[in-house]
Structures are given as C-alpha cells and as structure tokens.
C-alpha atoms as a PDB file:
ATOM      1  CA  MET A   1     182.895 173.200 -39.902  1.00  0.00           C
ATOM      2  CA  GLU A   2     184.458 174.804 -42.372  1.00  0.00           C
ATOM      3  CA  THR A   3     186.056 173.182 -45.331  1.00  0.00           C
ATOM      4  CA  ALA A   4     189.132 174.082 -47.404  1.00  0.00           C
ATOM      5  CA  ALA A   5     186.461 175.248 -50.094  1.00  0.00           C
ATOM      6  CA  GLN A   6     184.703 177.404 -47.868  1.00  0.00           C
ATOM      7  CA  ARG A   7     187.695 178.786 -46.127  1.00  0.00           C
ATOM      8  CA  TRP A   8     188.958 179.809 -49.789  1.00  0.00           C
ATOM      9  CA  LEU A   9     185.735 181.341 -50.419  1.00  0.00           C
ATOM     10  CA  ASN A  10     185.688 184.605 -48.761  1.00  0.00           C
ATOM     11  CA  GLY A  11     185.355 188.068 -50.445  1.00  0.00           C
ATOM     12  CA  ARG A  12     189.497 188.662 -51.052  1.00  0.00           C
ATOM     13  CA  ASN A  13     189.941 185.769 -52.584  1.00  0.00           C
ATOM     14  CA  VAL A  14     187.229 185.313 -55.016  1.00  0.00           C
ATOM     15  CA  ILE A  15     187.799 189.242 -56.143  1.00  0.00           C
ATOM     16  CA  GLY A  16     191.740 188.702 -55.890  1.00  0.00           C
ATOM     17  CA  ALA A  17     191.238 185.982 -58.635  1.00  0.00           C
ATOM     18  CA  ALA A  18     188.814 187.530 -60.704  1.00  0.00           C
ATOM     19  CA  LEU A  19     191.323 190.453 -60.985  1.00  0.00           C
ATOM     20  CA  ILE A  20     193.698 187.743 -61.792  1.00  0.00           C
ATOM     21  CA  VAL A  21     191.896 186.699 -64.830  1.00  0.00           C
ATOM     22  CA  PHE A  22     190.998 190.081 -65.540  1.00  0.00           C
ATOM     23  CA  GLY A  23     194.414 191.415 -65.784  1.00  0.00           C
ATOM     24  CA  ALA A  24     195.424 188.958 -67.478  1.00  0.00           C
ATOM     25  CA  ILE A  25     193.308 188.491 -70.189  1.00  0.00           C
ATOM     26  CA  VAL A  26     193.511 192.384 -70.779  1.00  0.00           C
ATOM     27  CA  LEU A  27     197.675 191.608 -70.891  1.00  0.00           C
ATOM     28  CA  LEU A  28     196.934 189.183 -73.523  1.00  0.00           C
ATOM     29  CA  MET A  29     194.634 191.614 -75.478  1.00  0.00           C
ATOM     30  CA  ASN A  30     197.332 194.050 -75.060  1.00  0.00           C
ATOM     31  CA  ILE A  31     200.249 192.309 -76.655  1.00  0.00           C
ATOM     32  CA  GLY A  32     197.933 191.210 -79.400  1.00  0.00           C
ATOM     33  CA  ILE A  33     197.208 187.546 -78.844  1.00  0.00           C
ATOM     34  CA  LEU A  34     193.463 188.046 -77.979  1.00  0.00           C
ATOM     35  CA  ASP A  35     192.732 190.337 -81.007  1.00  0.00           C
ATOM     36  CA  ARG A  36     189.581 189.415 -81.507  1.00  0.00           C
ATOM     37  CA  PHE A  37     187.923 188.333 -78.369  1.00  0.00           C
ATOM     38  CA  PRO A  38     185.394 190.355 -77.101  1.00  0.00           C
ATOM     39  CA  VAL A  39     186.251 190.659 -73.465  1.00  0.00           C
ATOM     40  CA  TRP A  40     184.042 193.484 -72.662  1.00  0.00           C
ATOM     41  CA  LYS A  41     181.191 191.876 -73.714  1.00  0.00           C
ATOM     42  CA  PHE A  42     181.692 189.752 -70.701  1.00  0.00           C
ATOM     43  CA  TRP A  43     181.563 192.266 -67.987  1.00  0.00           C
ATOM     44  CA  PRO A  44     178.188 191.403 -66.477  1.00  0.00           C
ATOM     45  CA  VAL A  45     179.932 187.985 -65.302  1.00  0.00           C
ATOM     46  CA  ILE A  46     181.905 190.172 -62.199  1.00  0.00           C
ATOM     47  CA  LEU A  47     178.483 190.718 -60.955  1.00  0.00           C
ATOM     48  CA  ILE A  48     177.566 187.135 -61.218  1.00  0.00           C
ATOM     49  CA  VAL A  49     180.804 186.332 -59.550  1.00  0.00           C
ATOM     50  CA  ILE A  50     180.450 188.685 -56.605  1.00  0.00           C
ATOM     51  CA  GLY A  51     176.944 187.531 -56.401  1.00  0.00           C
ATOM     52  CA  ILE A  52     178.001 183.783 -56.004  1.00  0.00           C
ATOM     53  CA  ASN A  53     180.482 184.616 -53.065  1.00  0.00           C
ATOM     54  CA  LYS A  54     177.832 186.941 -51.449  1.00  0.00           C
ATOM     55  CA  PHE A  55     175.118 184.003 -51.693  1.00  0.00           C
ATOM     56  CA  LEU A  56     177.175 181.590 -50.090  1.00  0.00           C
ATOM     57  CA  GLU A  57     177.431 183.961 -46.897  1.00  0.00           C
ATOM     58  CA  SER A  58     174.197 182.662 -44.997  1.00  0.00           C
ATOM     59  CA  TYR A  59     173.956 186.263 -43.915  1.00  0.00           C
ATOM     60  CA  LYS A  60     173.740 187.805 -47.312  1.00  0.00           C
ATOM     61  CA  ARG A  61     172.044 185.297 -49.731  1.00  0.00           C
ATOM     62  CA  ALA A  62     169.426 188.183 -50.784  1.00  0.00           C
ATOM     63  CA  GLU A  63     172.014 190.819 -52.094  1.00  0.00           C
ATOM     64  CA  GLY A  64     174.048 187.477 -53.782  1.00  0.00           C
ATOM     65  CA  PHE A  65     170.615 186.767 -55.970  1.00  0.00           C
ATOM     66  CA  TRP A  66     169.833 190.144 -56.613  1.00  0.00           C
ATOM     67  CA  LEU A  67     173.739 190.191 -57.776  1.00  0.00           C
ATOM     68  CA  ILE A  68     173.617 187.201 -59.659  1.00  0.00           C
ATOM     69  CA  GLY A  69     169.631 187.569 -61.394  1.00  0.00           C
ATOM     70  CA  LEU A  70     171.457 191.435 -62.481  1.00  0.00           C
ATOM     71  CA  GLY A  71     174.406 189.789 -64.023  1.00  0.00           C
ATOM     72  CA  ILE A  72     172.711 187.179 -65.678  1.00  0.00           C
ATOM     73  CA  TRP A  73     170.262 189.792 -67.035  1.00  0.00           C
ATOM     74  CA  LEU A  74     172.688 192.287 -67.882  1.00  0.00           C
ATOM     75  CA  GLN A  75     175.116 189.526 -69.810  1.00  0.00           C
ATOM     76  CA  TRP A  76     171.840 188.287 -71.638  1.00  0.00           C
ATOM     77  CA  SER A  77     171.338 191.772 -72.427  1.00  0.00           C
ATOM     78  CA  VAL A  78     174.671 192.605 -73.950  1.00  0.00           C
ATOM     79  CA  LEU A  79     175.194 189.245 -75.492  1.00  0.00           C
ATOM     80  CA  ARG A  80     171.198 189.713 -77.337  1.00  0.00           C
ATOM     81  CA  ILE A  81     170.444 186.123 -76.319  1.00  0.00           C
ATOM     82  CA  TYR A  82     167.319 185.151 -78.210  1.00  0.00           C
ATOM     83  CA  ASP A  83     166.933 188.215 -79.959  1.00  0.00           C
ATOM     84  CA  TYR A  84     166.359 190.289 -76.744  1.00  0.00           C
ATOM     85  CA  GLY A  85     167.833 193.604 -75.802  1.00  0.00           C
ATOM     86  CA  PHE A  86     167.678 195.910 -72.963  1.00  0.00           C
ATOM     87  CA  ARG A  87     164.714 197.409 -74.394  1.00  0.00           C
ATOM     88  CA  ASP A  88     162.382 194.116 -74.260  1.00  0.00           C
ATOM     89  CA  THR A  89     163.500 192.684 -71.317  1.00  0.00           C
ATOM     90  CA  TRP A  90     163.845 195.814 -68.204  1.00  0.00           C
ATOM     91  CA  PRO A  91     160.826 194.248 -66.753  1.00  0.00           C
ATOM     92  CA  ILE A  92     163.075 191.413 -65.620  1.00  0.00           C
ATOM     93  CA  VAL A  93     164.958 194.246 -63.065  1.00  0.00           C
ATOM     94  CA  LEU A  94     161.975 195.535 -61.484  1.00  0.00           C
ATOM     95  CA  ILE A  95     160.959 191.299 -60.885  1.00  0.00           C
ATOM     96  CA  LEU A  96     164.255 190.452 -59.809  1.00  0.00           C
ATOM     97  CA  PHE A  97     164.428 193.866 -57.406  1.00  0.00           C
ATOM     98  CA  GLY A  98     160.395 192.617 -55.612  1.00  0.00           C
ATOM     99  CA  ILE A  99     162.081 189.092 -54.849  1.00  0.00           C
ATOM    100  CA  TYR A 100     165.235 190.134 -53.585  1.00  0.00           C
ATOM    101  CA  GLN A 101     163.275 192.926 -51.051  1.00  0.00           C
ATOM    102  CA  ILE A 102     160.693 190.331 -50.420  1.00  0.00           C
ATOM    103  CA  TRP A 103     163.703 187.657 -49.503  1.00  0.00           C
ATOM    104  CA  GLU A 104     165.313 190.349 -47.504  1.00  0.00           C
ATOM    105  CA  ALA A 105     162.229 191.084 -44.965  1.00  0.00           C
ATOM    106  CA  PHE A 106     162.168 187.403 -44.681  1.00  0.00           C
ATOM    107  CA  GLU A 107     165.672 187.344 -43.722  1.00  0.00           C
ATOM    108  CA  ARG A 108     165.931 190.387 -41.255  1.00  0.00           C
ATOM    109  CA  ASP A 109     163.011 189.333 -39.834  1.00  0.00           C
ATOM    110  CA  ALA A 110     164.991 185.550 -38.947  1.00  0.00           C
ATOM    111  CA  ARG A 111     167.757 187.528 -38.058  1.00  0.00           C
ATOM    112  CA  LYS A 112     165.997 189.719 -35.337  1.00  0.00           C
ATOM    113  CA  LYS A 113     164.447 186.396 -34.386  1.00  0.00           C
ATOM    114  CA  ARG A 114     167.909 184.562 -33.647  1.00  0.00           C
ATOM    115  CA  PHE A 115     169.156 187.458 -32.259  1.00  0.00           C
ATOM    116  CA  GLU A 116     165.899 187.365 -29.684  1.00  0.00           C
ATOM    117  CA  GLN A 117     166.593 183.860 -29.287  1.00  0.00           C
ATOM    118  CA  THR A 118     170.108 184.062 -28.242  1.00  0.00           C
ATOM    119  CA  SER A 119     170.002 187.096 -26.246  1.00  0.00           C
ATOM    120  CA  THR A 120     167.539 185.239 -23.757  1.00  0.00           C
ATOM    121  CA  ILE A 121     169.372 182.189 -23.413  1.00  0.00           C
ATOM    122  CA  SER A 122     172.273 183.999 -22.629  1.00  0.00           C
ATOM    123  CA  VAL A 123     170.296 186.122 -20.106  1.00  0.00           C
ATOM    124  CA  HIS A 124     168.738 183.143 -18.337  1.00  0.00           C
END
C-alpha cells in the first residue's frame, strides 16, 4: 500500500518543487533581496535531490546512490569543505562509480531472477 508521502515523491513532483525553489531564489536575486547569497555554489544539490528521488524508487537504487554521491562530492568540491578541492578528491568519483557498477550488476541479477520466478509461476 502506498502512503501519501510515497505518492507525492514521484519524479514530476520533486522536479517541479525543485524548479519552484530555484526560480524563487533566482527571482529574489534579480530583484536585489539576495544580493550576496552564492546560490550558484549550491547547484550540486539538484543532483542530490534527483538521486534521493531515484533511490526511493526500488528499481533505481543504484542510480540514486550514484547521483547522491556525485552531488555530495561536487558540493564538497565547490565549497572546498575541509580545504580539499576537485584536484585532491577526484578519485572519489572512481570509487563511487565502481560501487555503482557492482550494485547495478546485483540489481540486474535480482530483477532477472524475479522475472524468471514470476514467469514460471504464471505458466503453471
């Protein structure tokens, strides 16, 4: 059974909400209310939001993990958290991509087994 939160957390609603927030921030910057707010430094949050949305979908968890990890890494690089930038931390992308590849392979095998099980059950 689907809860109200699960029904709301679909791709269109999340992307729509993100566009509303982004548009409001840009509007506030254009009319001078947010003069010094460095909104462009937070663009990787878009990847994190998309990744969370995909992670909540049971068949796209690996893709969601990849986007969340990539978004967090890019945000750290842009903000230079812990005084480490892109040059110092780019191997994290290799690690994340490796985890994604392995996870995706396991998910693909699990989907294949579920499909085979459901097709043999429906035949009998």
